Amino acid sequence: MNQSKGFAMAVLGVVAAAVGFALIRTLDTPGGILRALPYVLVGLGCGAFGHGVGAVVSRRAVEKDPEAQRRLEIDQKDERNIAIANCAKARAWEAMTYIQCALMLAFALMGTDMAALLLLVFADLFAEGVGIYYRFKYDREM
């Protein structure tokens, strides 16, 4: 991500978070989508701001040191580092599967609204389906 995109992302994040905070403070009894929208805007705004600022700071850090930039590029393309990152992602995926199942069970036992519970179940099943799809795809390719 170049510098201008990083700045734009940071500014967009600040604006989204500010709009979200303003909606939280001004809406008395929101209904429907307005109950969640301000909090979604705050979350997305904070994430976008952090991503943009991180991109700008890392870009400036490597611009001043070409040797560090070369080492960073080598590290990012190194097969060992890629294998380690993929292994870490696989472990996190396995853990997340069990965590989501436990969370869905806890929500079901607490008597959470059926619509929210079904959304969690469908999201989990969709993610598992994507995992199966890519497993078969990569199995044929490799």
C-alpha atoms as a PDB file:
ATOM      1  CA  MET A   1       0.000   0.000   0.000  1.00  0.00           C
ATOM      2  CA  ASN A   2       1.465   3.335  -0.958  1.00  0.00           C
ATOM      3  CA  GLN A   3       1.636   6.379   1.264  1.00  0.00           C
ATOM      4  CA  SER A   4      -1.423   8.188  -0.108  1.00  0.00           C
ATOM      5  CA  LYS A   5      -3.624   5.099   0.235  1.00  0.00           C
ATOM      6  CA  GLY A   6      -2.422   4.713   3.823  1.00  0.00           C
ATOM      7  CA  PHE A   7      -3.301   8.306   4.629  1.00  0.00           C
ATOM      8  CA  ALA A   8      -6.684   7.947   2.916  1.00  0.00           C
ATOM      9  CA  MET A   9      -7.404   4.777   4.889  1.00  0.00           C
ATOM     10  CA  ALA A  10      -6.464   6.487   8.163  1.00  0.00           C
ATOM     11  CA  VAL A  11      -8.645   9.518   7.410  1.00  0.00           C
ATOM     12  CA  LEU A  12     -11.542   7.294   6.346  1.00  0.00           C
ATOM     13  CA  GLY A  13     -11.158   5.373   9.592  1.00  0.00           C
ATOM     14  CA  VAL A  14     -11.254   8.526  11.706  1.00  0.00           C
ATOM     15  CA  VAL A  15     -14.344   9.759   9.845  1.00  0.00           C
ATOM     16  CA  ALA A  16     -16.164   6.410  10.223  1.00  0.00           C
ATOM     17  CA  ALA A  17     -15.343   6.216  13.933  1.00  0.00           C
ATOM     18  CA  ALA A  18     -16.415   9.832  14.477  1.00  0.00           C
ATOM     19  CA  VAL A  19     -19.721   9.228  12.698  1.00  0.00           C
ATOM     20  CA  GLY A  20     -20.237   6.098  14.774  1.00  0.00           C
ATOM     21  CA  PHE A  21     -19.546   7.931  18.048  1.00  0.00           C
ATOM     22  CA  ALA A  22     -21.835  10.771  16.974  1.00  0.00           C
ATOM     23  CA  LEU A  23     -24.636   8.313  16.221  1.00  0.00           C
ATOM     24  CA  ILE A  24     -24.148   6.621  19.590  1.00  0.00           C
ATOM     25  CA  ARG A  25     -24.484   9.951  21.385  1.00  0.00           C
ATOM     26  CA  THR A  26     -27.397  11.360  19.367  1.00  0.00           C
ATOM     27  CA  LEU A  27     -29.727   8.400  18.811  1.00  0.00           C
ATOM     28  CA  ASP A  28     -32.045   7.995  21.791  1.00  0.00           C
ATOM     29  CA  THR A  29     -33.937   4.805  20.976  1.00  0.00           C
ATOM     30  CA  PRO A  30     -32.591   3.381  17.739  1.00  0.00           C
ATOM     31  CA  GLY A  31     -34.485   0.609  16.069  1.00  0.00           C
ATOM     32  CA  GLY A  32     -33.606  -1.992  13.505  1.00  0.00           C
ATOM     33  CA  ILE A  33     -30.239  -1.589  11.840  1.00  0.00           C
ATOM     34  CA  LEU A  34     -29.552   1.679  13.684  1.00  0.00           C
ATOM     35  CA  ARG A  35     -29.049  -0.302  16.904  1.00  0.00           C
ATOM     36  CA  ALA A  36     -25.872  -1.912  15.546  1.00  0.00           C
ATOM     37  CA  LEU A  37     -24.712   0.524  12.856  1.00  0.00           C
ATOM     38  CA  PRO A  38     -22.933   3.015  15.148  1.00  0.00           C
ATOM     39  CA  TYR A  39     -20.893   0.274  16.790  1.00  0.00           C
ATOM     40  CA  VAL A  40     -20.047  -1.289  13.438  1.00  0.00           C
ATOM     41  CA  LEU A  41     -18.863   2.115  12.203  1.00  0.00           C
ATOM     42  CA  VAL A  42     -16.685   2.587  15.288  1.00  0.00           C
ATOM     43  CA  GLY A  43     -15.157  -0.869  14.888  1.00  0.00           C
ATOM     44  CA  LEU A  44     -14.527  -0.524  11.169  1.00  0.00           C
ATOM     45  CA  GLY A  45     -13.206   2.999  11.648  1.00  0.00           C
ATOM     46  CA  CYS A  46     -10.721   1.938  14.306  1.00  0.00           C
ATOM     47  CA  GLY A  47      -9.578  -0.987  12.171  1.00  0.00           C
ATOM     48  CA  ALA A  48      -9.176   1.169   9.058  1.00  0.00           C
ATOM     49  CA  PHE A  49      -7.310   3.832  11.029  1.00  0.00           C
ATOM     50  CA  GLY A  50      -4.908   1.286  12.504  1.00  0.00           C
ATOM     51  CA  HIS A  51      -4.320  -0.340   9.126  1.00  0.00           C
ATOM     52  CA  GLY A  52      -3.678   2.994   7.406  1.00  0.00           C
ATOM     53  CA  VAL A  53      -1.344   4.346  10.073  1.00  0.00           C
ATOM     54  CA  GLY A  54       0.515   1.031  10.201  1.00  0.00           C
ATOM     55  CA  ALA A  55       1.045   1.111   6.439  1.00  0.00           C
ATOM     56  CA  VAL A  56       2.316   4.704   6.519  1.00  0.00           C
ATOM     57  CA  VAL A  57       4.673   4.096   9.435  1.00  0.00           C
ATOM     58  CA  SER A  58       6.113   0.882   7.990  1.00  0.00           C
ATOM     59  CA  ARG A  59       6.536   2.492   4.576  1.00  0.00           C
ATOM     60  CA  ARG A  60       8.425   5.441   6.071  1.00  0.00           C
ATOM     61  CA  ALA A  61      10.603   3.137   8.164  1.00  0.00           C
ATOM     62  CA  VAL A  62      11.822   1.142   5.166  1.00  0.00           C
ATOM     63  CA  GLU A  63      12.216   4.185   2.897  1.00  0.00           C
ATOM     64  CA  LYS A  64      15.002   5.515   5.098  1.00  0.00           C
ATOM     65  CA  ASP A  65      16.885   2.204   5.126  1.00  0.00           C
ATOM     66  CA  PRO A  66      17.141   0.430   1.744  1.00  0.00           C
ATOM     67  CA  GLU A  67      18.976  -2.482   3.350  1.00  0.00           C
ATOM     68  CA  ALA A  68      16.074  -3.052   5.731  1.00  0.00           C
ATOM     69  CA  GLN A  69      13.666  -2.910   2.800  1.00  0.00           C
ATOM     70  CA  ARG A  70      15.680  -5.557   0.943  1.00  0.00           C
ATOM     71  CA  ARG A  71      15.772  -7.819   4.019  1.00  0.00           C
ATOM     72  CA  LEU A  72      12.030  -7.359   4.538  1.00  0.00           C
ATOM     73  CA  GLU A  73      11.290  -8.356   0.937  1.00  0.00           C
ATOM     74  CA  ILE A  74      13.510 -11.435   1.274  1.00  0.00           C
ATOM     75  CA  ASP A  75      11.795 -12.404   4.540  1.00  0.00           C
ATOM     76  CA  GLN A  76       8.344 -12.005   3.008  1.00  0.00           C
ATOM     77  CA  LYS A  77       9.232 -14.199   0.020  1.00  0.00           C
ATOM     78  CA  ASP A  78      11.213 -16.804   1.987  1.00  0.00           C
ATOM     79  CA  GLU A  79       9.612 -20.247   1.650  1.00  0.00           C
ATOM     80  CA  ARG A  80      10.357 -21.143   5.272  1.00  0.00           C
ATOM     81  CA  ASN A  81       8.572 -18.045   6.556  1.00  0.00           C
ATOM     82  CA  ILE A  82       5.627 -18.699   4.239  1.00  0.00           C
ATOM     83  CA  ALA A  83       5.387 -22.297   5.492  1.00  0.00           C
ATOM     84  CA  ILE A  84       5.525 -21.115   9.114  1.00  0.00           C
ATOM     85  CA  ALA A  85       2.784 -18.534   8.481  1.00  0.00           C
ATOM     86  CA  ASN A  86       0.588 -21.134   6.775  1.00  0.00           C
ATOM     87  CA  CYS A  87       1.101 -23.580   9.637  1.00  0.00           C
ATOM     88  CA  ALA A  88       0.147 -20.876  12.156  1.00  0.00           C
ATOM     89  CA  LYS A  89      -2.985 -20.075  10.148  1.00  0.00           C
ATOM     90  CA  ALA A  90      -3.927 -23.748  10.085  1.00  0.00           C
ATOM     91  CA  ARG A  91      -3.573 -24.033  13.870  1.00  0.00           C
ATOM     92  CA  ALA A  92      -5.610 -20.875  14.377  1.00  0.00           C
ATOM     93  CA  TRP A  93      -8.311 -22.256  12.040  1.00  0.00           C
ATOM     94  CA  GLU A  94      -8.478 -25.489  14.035  1.00  0.00           C
ATOM     95  CA  ALA A  95      -8.725 -23.588  17.312  1.00  0.00           C
ATOM     96  CA  MET A  96     -11.359 -21.236  15.917  1.00  0.00           C
ATOM     97  CA  THR A  97     -13.513 -24.173  14.842  1.00  0.00           C
ATOM     98  CA  TYR A  98     -13.706 -25.452  18.420  1.00  0.00           C
ATOM     99  CA  ILE A  99     -14.101 -21.956  19.864  1.00  0.00           C
ATOM    100  CA  GLN A 100     -17.028 -21.190  17.556  1.00  0.00           C
ATOM    101  CA  CYS A 101     -18.696 -24.499  18.418  1.00  0.00           C
ATOM    102  CA  ALA A 102     -18.358 -23.787  22.130  1.00  0.00           C
ATOM    103  CA  LEU A 103     -19.675 -20.265  21.638  1.00  0.00           C
ATOM    104  CA  MET A 104     -22.691 -21.498  19.678  1.00  0.00           C
ATOM    105  CA  LEU A 105     -23.429 -24.085  22.370  1.00  0.00           C
ATOM    106  CA  ALA A 106     -23.137 -21.446  25.106  1.00  0.00           C
ATOM    107  CA  PHE A 107     -25.477 -19.104  23.222  1.00  0.00           C
ATOM    108  CA  ALA A 108     -27.975 -21.922  22.699  1.00  0.00           C
ATOM    109  CA  LEU A 109     -27.919 -22.813  26.414  1.00  0.00           C
ATOM    110  CA  MET A 110     -28.355 -19.148  27.371  1.00  0.00           C
ATOM    111  CA  GLY A 111     -31.465 -18.936  25.238  1.00  0.00           C
ATOM    112  CA  THR A 112     -30.120 -16.408  22.764  1.00  0.00           C
ATOM    113  CA  ASP A 113     -32.424 -15.325  19.971  1.00  0.00           C
ATOM    114  CA  MET A 114     -32.738 -18.060  17.340  1.00  0.00           C
ATOM    115  CA  ALA A 115     -31.956 -15.677  14.458  1.00  0.00           C
ATOM    116  CA  ALA A 116     -28.617 -14.699  15.971  1.00  0.00           C
ATOM    117  CA  LEU A 117     -27.771 -18.315  16.726  1.00  0.00           C
ATOM    118  CA  LEU A 118     -28.630 -19.414  13.194  1.00  0.00           C
ATOM    119  CA  LEU A 119     -26.484 -16.627  11.761  1.00  0.00           C
ATOM    120  CA  LEU A 120     -23.543 -17.951  13.767  1.00  0.00           C
ATOM    121  CA  VAL A 121     -24.240 -21.514  12.635  1.00  0.00           C
ATOM    122  CA  PHE A 122     -24.531 -20.537   8.968  1.00  0.00           C
ATOM    123  CA  ALA A 123     -21.379 -18.406   9.139  1.00  0.00           C
ATOM    124  CA  ASP A 124     -19.492 -21.327  10.671  1.00  0.00           C
ATOM    125  CA  LEU A 125     -20.826 -23.765   8.086  1.00  0.00           C
ATOM    126  CA  PHE A 126     -19.936 -21.365   5.281  1.00  0.00           C
ATOM    127  CA  ALA A 127     -16.372 -21.026   6.576  1.00  0.00           C
ATOM    128  CA  GLU A 128     -16.060 -24.801   6.869  1.00  0.00           C
ATOM    129  CA  GLY A 129     -17.397 -25.152   3.314  1.00  0.00           C
ATOM    130  CA  VAL A 130     -14.793 -22.698   2.030  1.00  0.00           C
ATOM    131  CA  GLY A 131     -12.124 -24.726   3.827  1.00  0.00           C
ATOM    132  CA  ILE A 132     -13.339 -27.952   2.202  1.00  0.00           C
ATOM    133  CA  TYR A 133     -13.477 -26.304  -1.227  1.00  0.00           C
ATOM    134  CA  TYR A 134      -9.891 -25.097  -1.006  1.00  0.00           C
ATOM    135  CA  ARG A 135      -8.746 -28.441   0.398  1.00  0.00           C
ATOM    136  CA  PHE A 136     -10.065 -30.198  -2.715  1.00  0.00           C
ATOM    137  CA  LYS A 137      -8.762 -27.459  -5.015  1.00  0.00           C
ATOM    138  CA  TYR A 138      -5.238 -27.601  -3.625  1.00  0.00           C
ATOM    139  CA  ASP A 139      -5.348 -31.393  -3.502  1.00  0.00           C
ATOM    140  CA  ARG A 140      -5.848 -31.455  -7.281  1.00  0.00           C
ATOM    141  CA  GLU A 141      -3.203 -28.807  -7.944  1.00  0.00           C
ATOM    142  CA  MET A 142      -0.418 -30.277  -5.829  1.00  0.00           C
END
